[in-house]
Amino acid sequence: MQNKLTRKASWEDMYRKHRNNVKNDVIRSAKPKVDNKPPLLKITAYYKPGTIEANTARLAQIEEDNFKLIRNINIIYRTKRIPKCYRAKDDD
């Protein structure tokens, strides 16, 4: 009966013999039977310079419009204020 150490050694010896029997070139040139690699990433699917430029221009226009709106609201509050829009009671 073999103990665990000799059994392990025998498996290692068998593996070494197997590696020596098989030519290294054959092992290196062996192709896998299952394709487990991810698909190739096409940059153009995710990075679209035209869309990015359009979004940048749109955001710049929105910020400019917001700045004009805030400036106009500031002018209204500083000068004219909001008029009181209610009717005075008639003394009829």
PDB file of N, CA and C in Angstrom:
ATOM      1  N   MET A   1       0.841  -1.176   0.000  1.00  0.00           N
ATOM      2  CA  MET A   1       0.000   0.000   0.000  1.00  0.00           C
ATOM      3  C   MET A   1       0.889   1.244   0.000  1.00  0.00           C
ATOM      4  N   GLN A   2       0.601   2.183  -0.917  1.00  0.00           N
ATOM      5  CA  GLN A   2       1.403   3.386  -1.018  1.00  0.00           C
ATOM      6  C   GLN A   2       0.821   4.476  -0.125  1.00  0.00           C
ATOM      7  N   ASN A   3       1.710   5.227   0.448  1.00  0.00           N
ATOM      8  CA  ASN A   3       1.201   6.361   1.226  1.00  0.00           C
ATOM      9  C   ASN A   3       0.961   7.549   0.284  1.00  0.00           C
ATOM     10  N   LYS A   4       0.445   8.648   0.837  1.00  0.00           N
ATOM     11  CA  LYS A   4       0.065   9.803   0.006  1.00  0.00           C
ATOM     12  C   LYS A   4       1.273  10.435  -0.686  1.00  0.00           C
ATOM     13  N   LEU A   5       2.399  10.492  -0.008  1.00  0.00           N
ATOM     14  CA  LEU A   5       3.574  11.137  -0.590  1.00  0.00           C
ATOM     15  C   LEU A   5       4.084  10.376  -1.810  1.00  0.00           C
ATOM     16  N   THR A   6       4.157   9.060  -1.718  1.00  0.00           N
ATOM     17  CA  THR A   6       4.642   8.289  -2.860  1.00  0.00           C
ATOM     18  C   THR A   6       3.628   8.309  -3.991  1.00  0.00           C
ATOM     19  N   ARG A   7       2.340   8.321  -3.650  1.00  0.00           N
ATOM     20  CA  ARG A   7       1.315   8.382  -4.685  1.00  0.00           C
ATOM     21  C   ARG A   7       1.412   9.720  -5.432  1.00  0.00           C
ATOM     22  N   LYS A   8       1.617  10.814  -4.663  1.00  0.00           N
ATOM     23  CA  LYS A   8       1.755  12.122  -5.286  1.00  0.00           C
ATOM     24  C   LYS A   8       3.012  12.160  -6.154  1.00  0.00           C
ATOM     25  N   ALA A   9       4.063  11.618  -5.657  1.00  0.00           N
ATOM     26  CA  ALA A   9       5.303  11.589  -6.425  1.00  0.00           C
ATOM     27  C   ALA A   9       5.120  10.779  -7.705  1.00  0.00           C
ATOM     28  N   SER A  10       4.380   9.715  -7.626  1.00  0.00           N
ATOM     29  CA  SER A  10       4.200   8.897  -8.820  1.00  0.00           C
ATOM     30  C   SER A  10       3.371   9.653  -9.864  1.00  0.00           C
ATOM     31  N   TRP A  11       2.382  10.411  -9.448  1.00  0.00           N
ATOM     32  CA  TRP A  11       1.607  11.217 -10.391  1.00  0.00           C
ATOM     33  C   TRP A  11       2.484  12.293 -11.026  1.00  0.00           C
ATOM     34  N   GLU A  12       3.316  12.908 -10.225  1.00  0.00           N
ATOM     35  CA  GLU A  12       4.228  13.922 -10.761  1.00  0.00           C
ATOM     36  C   GLU A  12       5.206  13.299 -11.749  1.00  0.00           C
ATOM     37  N   ASP A  13       5.711  12.113 -11.432  1.00  0.00           N
ATOM     38  CA  ASP A  13       6.614  11.422 -12.354  1.00  0.00           C
ATOM     39  C   ASP A  13       5.907  11.087 -13.669  1.00  0.00           C
ATOM     40  N   MET A  14       4.681  10.614 -13.557  1.00  0.00           N
ATOM     41  CA  MET A  14       3.925  10.280 -14.768  1.00  0.00           C
ATOM     42  C   MET A  14       3.689  11.535 -15.615  1.00  0.00           C
ATOM     43  N   TYR A  15       3.407  12.640 -14.962  1.00  0.00           N
ATOM     44  CA  TYR A  15       3.174  13.891 -15.694  1.00  0.00           C
ATOM     45  C   TYR A  15       4.464  14.335 -16.388  1.00  0.00           C
ATOM     46  N   ARG A  16       5.586  14.268 -15.684  1.00  0.00           N
ATOM     47  CA  ARG A  16       6.866  14.643 -16.293  1.00  0.00           C
ATOM     48  C   ARG A  16       7.190  13.757 -17.503  1.00  0.00           C
ATOM     49  N   LYS A  17       6.937  12.469 -17.377  1.00  0.00           N
ATOM     50  CA  LYS A  17       7.180  11.558 -18.501  1.00  0.00           C
ATOM     51  C   LYS A  17       6.282  11.915 -19.683  1.00  0.00           C
ATOM     52  N   HIS A  18       5.039  12.221 -19.374  1.00  0.00           N
ATOM     53  CA  HIS A  18       4.103  12.595 -20.428  1.00  0.00           C
ATOM     54  C   HIS A  18       4.585  13.865 -21.135  1.00  0.00           C
ATOM     55  N   ARG A  19       5.021  14.853 -20.358  1.00  0.00           N
ATOM     56  CA  ARG A  19       5.498  16.105 -20.942  1.00  0.00           C
ATOM     57  C   ARG A  19       6.746  15.858 -21.797  1.00  0.00           C
ATOM     58  N   ASN A  20       7.606  14.958 -21.360  1.00  0.00           N
ATOM     59  CA  ASN A  20       8.805  14.656 -22.131  1.00  0.00           C
ATOM     60  C   ASN A  20       8.482  13.887 -23.410  1.00  0.00           C
ATOM     61  N   ASN A  21       7.459  13.043 -23.362  1.00  0.00           N
ATOM     62  CA  ASN A  21       7.094  12.253 -24.535  1.00  0.00           C
ATOM     63  C   ASN A  21       6.457  13.123 -25.627  1.00  0.00           C
ATOM     64  N   VAL A  22       5.714  14.126 -25.211  1.00  0.00           N
ATOM     65  CA  VAL A  22       5.036  14.992 -26.185  1.00  0.00           C
ATOM     66  C   VAL A  22       5.987  16.120 -26.547  1.00  0.00           C
ATOM     67  N   LYS A  23       6.100  16.393 -27.812  1.00  0.00           N
ATOM     68  CA  LYS A  23       6.994  17.461 -28.244  1.00  0.00           C
ATOM     69  C   LYS A  23       6.417  18.809 -27.813  1.00  0.00           C
ATOM     70  N   ASN A  24       7.308  19.691 -27.391  1.00  0.00           N
ATOM     71  CA  ASN A  24       6.876  21.008 -26.930  1.00  0.00           C
ATOM     72  C   ASN A  24       6.187  21.797 -28.040  1.00  0.00           C
ATOM     73  N   ASP A  25       6.636  21.624 -29.285  1.00  0.00           N
ATOM     74  CA  ASP A  25       6.024  22.358 -30.394  1.00  0.00           C
ATOM     75  C   ASP A  25       4.574  21.946 -30.590  1.00  0.00           C
ATOM     76  N   VAL A  26       4.295  20.666 -30.384  1.00  0.00           N
ATOM     77  CA  VAL A  26       2.929  20.191 -30.554  1.00  0.00           C
ATOM     78  C   VAL A  26       2.031  20.806 -29.486  1.00  0.00           C
ATOM     79  N   ILE A  27       2.522  20.893 -28.287  1.00  0.00           N
ATOM     80  CA  ILE A  27       1.725  21.458 -27.202  1.00  0.00           C
ATOM     81  C   ILE A  27       1.473  22.949 -27.442  1.00  0.00           C
ATOM     82  N   ARG A  28       2.486  23.659 -27.885  1.00  0.00           N
ATOM     83  CA  ARG A  28       2.339  25.099 -28.112  1.00  0.00           C
ATOM     84  C   ARG A  28       1.413  25.399 -29.280  1.00  0.00           C
ATOM     85  N   SER A  29       1.406  24.530 -30.278  1.00  0.00           N
ATOM     86  CA  SER A  29       0.577  24.791 -31.448  1.00  0.00           C
ATOM     87  C   SER A  29      -0.841  24.253 -31.290  1.00  0.00           C
ATOM     88  N   ALA A  30      -1.119  23.565 -30.200  1.00  0.00           N
ATOM     89  CA  ALA A  30      -2.460  23.025 -29.984  1.00  0.00           C
ATOM     90  C   ALA A  30      -3.448  24.163 -29.789  1.00  0.00           C
ATOM     91  N   LYS A  31      -4.585  24.075 -30.439  1.00  0.00           N
ATOM     92  CA  LYS A  31      -5.631  25.081 -30.343  1.00  0.00           C
ATOM     93  C   LYS A  31      -6.748  24.570 -29.424  1.00  0.00           C
ATOM     94  N   PRO A  32      -7.352  25.470 -28.656  1.00  0.00           N
ATOM     95  CA  PRO A  32      -8.445  25.019 -27.793  1.00  0.00           C
ATOM     96  C   PRO A  32      -9.667  24.639 -28.643  1.00  0.00           C
ATOM     97  N   LYS A  33     -10.441  23.701 -28.145  1.00  0.00           N
ATOM     98  CA  LYS A  33     -11.630  23.268 -28.874  1.00  0.00           C
ATOM     99  C   LYS A  33     -12.822  24.166 -28.572  1.00  0.00           C
ATOM    100  N   VAL A  34     -12.777  24.868 -27.439  1.00  0.00           N
ATOM    101  CA  VAL A  34     -13.866  25.755 -27.054  1.00  0.00           C
ATOM    102  C   VAL A  34     -13.352  27.189 -27.074  1.00  0.00           C
ATOM    103  N   ASP A  35     -14.102  28.047 -27.726  1.00  0.00           N
ATOM    104  CA  ASP A  35     -13.730  29.459 -27.779  1.00  0.00           C
ATOM    105  C   ASP A  35     -14.323  30.145 -26.551  1.00  0.00           C
ATOM    106  N   ASN A  36     -13.472  30.437 -25.573  1.00  0.00           N
ATOM    107  CA  ASN A  36     -13.952  31.071 -24.350  1.00  0.00           C
ATOM    108  C   ASN A  36     -13.468  32.511 -24.228  1.00  0.00           C
ATOM    109  N   LYS A  37     -13.065  33.110 -25.333  1.00  0.00           N
ATOM    110  CA  LYS A  37     -12.586  34.485 -25.327  1.00  0.00           C
ATOM    111  C   LYS A  37     -13.763  35.434 -25.572  1.00  0.00           C
ATOM    112  N   PRO A  38     -13.688  36.636 -25.031  1.00  0.00           N
ATOM    113  CA  PRO A  38     -14.761  37.597 -25.289  1.00  0.00           C
ATOM    114  C   PRO A  38     -14.704  38.067 -26.740  1.00  0.00           C
ATOM    115  N   PRO A  39     -15.814  38.541 -27.262  1.00  0.00           N
ATOM    116  CA  PRO A  39     -15.784  39.042 -28.644  1.00  0.00           C
ATOM    117  C   PRO A  39     -14.920  40.291 -28.732  1.00  0.00           C
ATOM    118  N   LEU A  40     -14.416  40.552 -29.908  1.00  0.00           N
ATOM    119  CA  LEU A  40     -13.578  41.727 -30.109  1.00  0.00           C
ATOM    120  C   LEU A  40     -14.404  42.993 -29.885  1.00  0.00           C
ATOM    121  N   LEU A  41     -13.810  43.927 -29.181  1.00  0.00           N
ATOM    122  CA  LEU A  41     -14.480  45.189 -28.876  1.00  0.00           C
ATOM    123  C   LEU A  41     -14.222  46.173 -29.999  1.00  0.00           C
ATOM    124  N   LYS A  42     -15.288  46.630 -30.603  1.00  0.00           N
ATOM    125  CA  LYS A  42     -15.151  47.643 -31.638  1.00  0.00           C
ATOM    126  C   LYS A  42     -15.350  48.999 -30.975  1.00  0.00           C
ATOM    127  N   ILE A  43     -14.327  49.808 -31.027  1.00  0.00           N
ATOM    128  CA  ILE A  43     -14.362  51.120 -30.380  1.00  0.00           C
ATOM    129  C   ILE A  43     -15.498  51.960 -30.945  1.00  0.00           C
ATOM    130  N   THR A  44     -15.765  51.829 -32.232  1.00  0.00           N
ATOM    131  CA  THR A  44     -16.794  52.666 -32.855  1.00  0.00           C
ATOM    132  C   THR A  44     -18.192  52.353 -32.328  1.00  0.00           C
ATOM    133  N   ALA A  45     -18.367  51.202 -31.706  1.00  0.00           N
ATOM    134  CA  ALA A  45     -19.672  50.878 -31.145  1.00  0.00           C
ATOM    135  C   ALA A  45     -19.953  51.682 -29.888  1.00  0.00           C
ATOM    136  N   TYR A  46     -18.922  52.094 -29.174  1.00  0.00           N
ATOM    137  CA  TYR A  46     -19.102  52.804 -27.911  1.00  0.00           C
ATOM    138  C   TYR A  46     -18.623  54.251 -27.970  1.00  0.00           C
ATOM    139  N   TYR A  47     -17.642  54.532 -28.757  1.00  0.00           N
ATOM    140  CA  TYR A  47     -17.053  55.870 -28.825  1.00  0.00           C
ATOM    141  C   TYR A  47     -17.387  56.472 -30.181  1.00  0.00           C
ATOM    142  N   LYS A  48     -18.301  57.427 -30.167  1.00  0.00           N
ATOM    143  CA  LYS A  48     -18.712  58.069 -31.406  1.00  0.00           C
ATOM    144  C   LYS A  48     -18.405  59.555 -31.299  1.00  0.00           C
ATOM    145  N   PRO A  49     -17.338  59.995 -31.949  1.00  0.00           N
ATOM    146  CA  PRO A  49     -16.928  61.396 -31.830  1.00  0.00           C
ATOM    147  C   PRO A  49     -18.002  62.384 -32.271  1.00  0.00           C
ATOM    148  N   GLY A  50     -18.762  62.060 -33.306  1.00  0.00           N
ATOM    149  CA  GLY A  50     -19.807  62.962 -33.780  1.00  0.00           C
ATOM    150  C   GLY A  50     -20.879  63.184 -32.729  1.00  0.00           C
ATOM    151  N   THR A  51     -21.290  62.117 -32.060  1.00  0.00           N
ATOM    152  CA  THR A  51     -22.304  62.222 -31.010  1.00  0.00           C
ATOM    153  C   THR A  51     -21.770  63.010 -29.831  1.00  0.00           C
ATOM    154  N   ILE A  52     -20.523  62.784 -29.485  1.00  0.00           N
ATOM    155  CA  ILE A  52     -19.927  63.495 -28.356  1.00  0.00           C
ATOM    156  C   ILE A  52     -19.845  64.990 -28.658  1.00  0.00           C
ATOM    157  N   GLU A  53     -19.453  65.341 -29.880  1.00  0.00           N
ATOM    158  CA  GLU A  53     -19.382  66.755 -30.253  1.00  0.00           C
ATOM    159  C   GLU A  53     -20.764  67.391 -30.254  1.00  0.00           C
ATOM    160  N   ALA A  54     -21.768  66.672 -30.746  1.00  0.00           N
ATOM    161  CA  ALA A  54     -23.132  67.207 -30.761  1.00  0.00           C
ATOM    162  C   ALA A  54     -23.636  67.430 -29.335  1.00  0.00           C
ATOM    163  N   ASN A  55     -23.370  66.476 -28.452  1.00  0.00           N
ATOM    164  CA  ASN A  55     -23.785  66.628 -27.057  1.00  0.00           C
ATOM    165  C   ASN A  55     -23.062  67.790 -26.391  1.00  0.00           C
ATOM    166  N   THR A  56     -21.795  67.975 -26.702  1.00  0.00           N
ATOM    167  CA  THR A  56     -21.026  69.079 -26.130  1.00  0.00           C
ATOM    168  C   THR A  56     -21.596  70.415 -26.586  1.00  0.00           C
ATOM    169  N   ALA A  57     -21.913  70.524 -27.862  1.00  0.00           N
ATOM    170  CA  ALA A  57     -22.492  71.766 -28.379  1.00  0.00           C
ATOM    171  C   ALA A  57     -23.861  72.020 -27.757  1.00  0.00           C
ATOM    172  N   ARG A  58     -24.654  70.973 -27.610  1.00  0.00           N
ATOM    173  CA  ARG A  58     -25.981  71.109 -27.004  1.00  0.00           C
ATOM    174  C   ARG A  58     -25.880  71.569 -25.559  1.00  0.00           C
ATOM    175  N   LEU A  59     -24.961  70.984 -24.800  1.00  0.00           N
ATOM    176  CA  LEU A  59     -24.783  71.378 -23.402  1.00  0.00           C
ATOM    177  C   LEU A  59     -24.284  72.813 -23.291  1.00  0.00           C
ATOM    178  N   ALA A  60     -23.411  73.233 -24.200  1.00  0.00           N
ATOM    179  CA  ALA A  60     -22.926  74.617 -24.183  1.00  0.00           C
ATOM    180  C   ALA A  60     -24.072  75.578 -24.446  1.00  0.00           C
ATOM    181  N   GLN A  61     -24.956  75.232 -25.389  1.00  0.00           N
ATOM    182  CA  GLN A  61     -26.111  76.080 -25.691  1.00  0.00           C
ATOM    183  C   GLN A  61     -27.062  76.146 -24.500  1.00  0.00           C
ATOM    184  N   ILE A  62     -27.295  75.028 -23.839  1.00  0.00           N
ATOM    185  CA  ILE A  62     -28.180  75.002 -22.665  1.00  0.00           C
ATOM    186  C   ILE A  62     -27.599  75.865 -21.552  1.00  0.00           C
ATOM    187  N   GLU A  63     -26.292  75.760 -21.315  1.00  0.00           N
ATOM    188  CA  GLU A  63     -25.673  76.576 -20.269  1.00  0.00           C
ATOM    189  C   GLU A  63     -25.757  78.062 -20.602  1.00  0.00           C
ATOM    190  N   GLU A  64     -25.576  78.404 -21.865  1.00  0.00           N
ATOM    191  CA  GLU A  64     -25.672  79.809 -22.267  1.00  0.00           C
ATOM    192  C   GLU A  64     -27.098  80.324 -22.061  1.00  0.00           C
ATOM    193  N   ASP A  65     -28.110  79.521 -22.455  1.00  0.00           N
ATOM    194  CA  ASP A  65     -29.504  79.920 -22.254  1.00  0.00           C
ATOM    195  C   ASP A  65     -29.835  80.064 -20.769  1.00  0.00           C
ATOM    196  N   ASN A  66     -29.335  79.138 -19.952  1.00  0.00           N
ATOM    197  CA  ASN A  66     -29.578  79.220 -18.512  1.00  0.00           C
ATOM    198  C   ASN A  66     -28.949  80.469 -17.906  1.00  0.00           C
ATOM    199  N   PHE A  67     -27.750  80.810 -18.374  1.00  0.00           N
ATOM    200  CA  PHE A  67     -27.085  82.016 -17.871  1.00  0.00           C
ATOM    201  C   PHE A  67     -27.897  83.263 -18.227  1.00  0.00           C
ATOM    202  N   LYS A  68     -28.403  83.335 -19.476  1.00  0.00           N
ATOM    203  CA  LYS A  68     -29.229  84.478 -19.888  1.00  0.00           C
ATOM    204  C   LYS A  68     -30.502  84.562 -19.050  1.00  0.00           C
ATOM    205  N   LEU A  69     -31.118  83.418 -18.807  1.00  0.00           N
ATOM    206  CA  LEU A  69     -32.342  83.380 -18.005  1.00  0.00           C
ATOM    207  C   LEU A  69     -32.089  83.862 -16.586  1.00  0.00           C
ATOM    208  N   ILE A  70     -31.026  83.389 -15.974  1.00  0.00           N
ATOM    209  CA  ILE A  70     -30.694  83.812 -14.603  1.00  0.00           C
ATOM    210  C   ILE A  70     -30.379  85.302 -14.570  1.00  0.00           C
ATOM    211  N   ARG A  71     -29.674  85.796 -15.573  1.00  0.00           N
ATOM    212  CA  ARG A  71     -29.362  87.223 -15.624  1.00  0.00           C
ATOM    213  C   ARG A  71     -30.639  88.044 -15.731  1.00  0.00           C
ATOM    214  N   ASN A  72     -31.572  87.606 -16.583  1.00  0.00           N
ATOM    215  CA  ASN A  72     -32.831  88.331 -16.731  1.00  0.00           C
ATOM    216  C   ASN A  72     -33.669  88.272 -15.448  1.00  0.00           C
ATOM    217  N   ILE A  73     -33.701  87.130 -14.799  1.00  0.00           N
ATOM    218  CA  ILE A  73     -34.437  87.022 -13.528  1.00  0.00           C
ATOM    219  C   ILE A  73     -33.812  87.940 -12.487  1.00  0.00           C
ATOM    220  N   ASN A  74     -32.509  88.027 -12.455  1.00  0.00           N
ATOM    221  CA  ASN A  74     -31.808  88.907 -11.513  1.00  0.00           C
ATOM    222  C   ASN A  74     -32.174  90.370 -11.782  1.00  0.00           C
ATOM    223  N   ILE A  75     -32.217  90.743 -13.053  1.00  0.00           N
ATOM    224  CA  ILE A  75     -32.582  92.120 -13.404  1.00  0.00           C
ATOM    225  C   ILE A  75     -34.017  92.413 -12.964  1.00  0.00           C
ATOM    226  N   ILE A  76     -34.918  91.475 -13.186  1.00  0.00           N
ATOM    227  CA  ILE A  76     -36.319  91.668 -12.789  1.00  0.00           C
ATOM    228  C   ILE A  76     -36.421  91.855 -11.287  1.00  0.00           C
ATOM    229  N   TYR A  77     -35.762  91.039 -10.521  1.00  0.00           N
ATOM    230  CA  TYR A  77     -35.850  91.142  -9.057  1.00  0.00           C
ATOM    231  C   TYR A  77     -35.175  92.402  -8.532  1.00  0.00           C
ATOM    232  N   ARG A  78     -34.127  92.871  -9.195  1.00  0.00           N
ATOM    233  CA  ARG A  78     -33.446  94.081  -8.716  1.00  0.00           C
ATOM    234  C   ARG A  78     -34.188  95.355  -9.084  1.00  0.00           C
ATOM    235  N   THR A  79     -34.887  95.376 -10.207  1.00  0.00           N
ATOM    236  CA  THR A  79     -35.470  96.632 -10.674  1.00  0.00           C
ATOM    237  C   THR A  79     -36.981  96.655 -10.558  1.00  0.00           C
ATOM    238  N   LYS A  80     -37.669  95.873 -11.287  1.00  0.00           N
ATOM    239  CA  LYS A  80     -39.119  95.985 -11.401  1.00  0.00           C
ATOM    240  C   LYS A  80     -39.871  95.278 -10.287  1.00  0.00           C
ATOM    241  N   ARG A  81     -39.299  94.241  -9.765  1.00  0.00           N
ATOM    242  CA  ARG A  81     -39.952  93.381  -8.797  1.00  0.00           C
ATOM    243  C   ARG A  81     -41.203  92.756  -9.405  1.00  0.00           C
ATOM    244  N   ILE A  82     -41.798  91.888  -8.688  1.00  0.00           N
ATOM    245  CA  ILE A  82     -43.009  91.245  -9.171  1.00  0.00           C
ATOM    246  C   ILE A  82     -44.197  92.107  -8.747  1.00  0.00           C
ATOM    247  N   PRO A  83     -45.005  92.552  -9.682  1.00  0.00           N
ATOM    248  CA  PRO A  83     -46.134  93.405  -9.301  1.00  0.00           C
ATOM    249  C   PRO A  83     -47.181  92.608  -8.538  1.00  0.00           C
ATOM    250  N   LYS A  84     -47.855  93.286  -7.670  1.00  0.00           N
ATOM    251  CA  LYS A  84     -48.943  92.643  -6.940  1.00  0.00           C
ATOM    252  C   LYS A  84     -50.146  92.603  -7.855  1.00  0.00           C
ATOM    253  N   CYS A  85     -50.616  91.461  -8.135  1.00  0.00           N
ATOM    254  CA  CYS A  85     -51.711  91.294  -9.085  1.00  0.00           C
ATOM    255  C   CYS A  85     -52.980  90.903  -8.327  1.00  0.00           C
ATOM    256  N   TYR A  86     -53.597  91.843  -7.723  1.00  0.00           N
ATOM    257  CA  TYR A  86     -54.902  91.570  -7.104  1.00  0.00           C
ATOM    258  C   TYR A  86     -55.775  92.790  -7.280  1.00  0.00           C
ATOM    259  N   ARG A  87     -57.064  92.590  -7.226  1.00  0.00           N
ATOM    260  CA  ARG A  87     -58.022  93.679  -7.427  1.00  0.00           C
ATOM    261  C   ARG A  87     -58.338  94.322  -6.076  1.00  0.00           C
ATOM    262  N   ALA A  88     -58.398  95.596  -6.120  1.00  0.00           N
ATOM    263  CA  ALA A  88     -58.850  96.301  -4.916  1.00  0.00           C
ATOM    264  C   ALA A  88     -60.368  96.167  -4.822  1.00  0.00           C
ATOM    265  N   LYS A  89     -60.851  96.140  -3.600  1.00  0.00           N
ATOM    266  CA  LYS A  89     -62.297  96.013  -3.430  1.00  0.00           C
ATOM    267  C   LYS A  89     -62.980  97.291  -3.902  1.00  0.00           C
ATOM    268  N   ASP A  90     -64.036  97.116  -4.642  1.00  0.00           N
ATOM    269  CA  ASP A  90     -64.809  98.252  -5.103  1.00  0.00           C
ATOM    270  C   ASP A  90     -65.704  98.735  -3.958  1.00  0.00           C
ATOM    271  N   ASP A  91     -65.841 100.041  -3.793  1.00  0.00           N
ATOM    272  CA  ASP A  91     -66.690 100.597  -2.728  1.00  0.00           C
ATOM    273  C   ASP A  91     -68.076 100.921  -3.251  1.00  0.00           C
ATOM    274  N   ASP A  92     -68.625 100.135  -4.036  1.00  0.00           N
ATOM    275  CA  ASP A  92     -69.951 100.402  -4.603  1.00  0.00           C
ATOM    276  C   ASP A  92     -71.045 100.255  -3.590  1.00  0.00           C
TER     277      ASP A  92
END
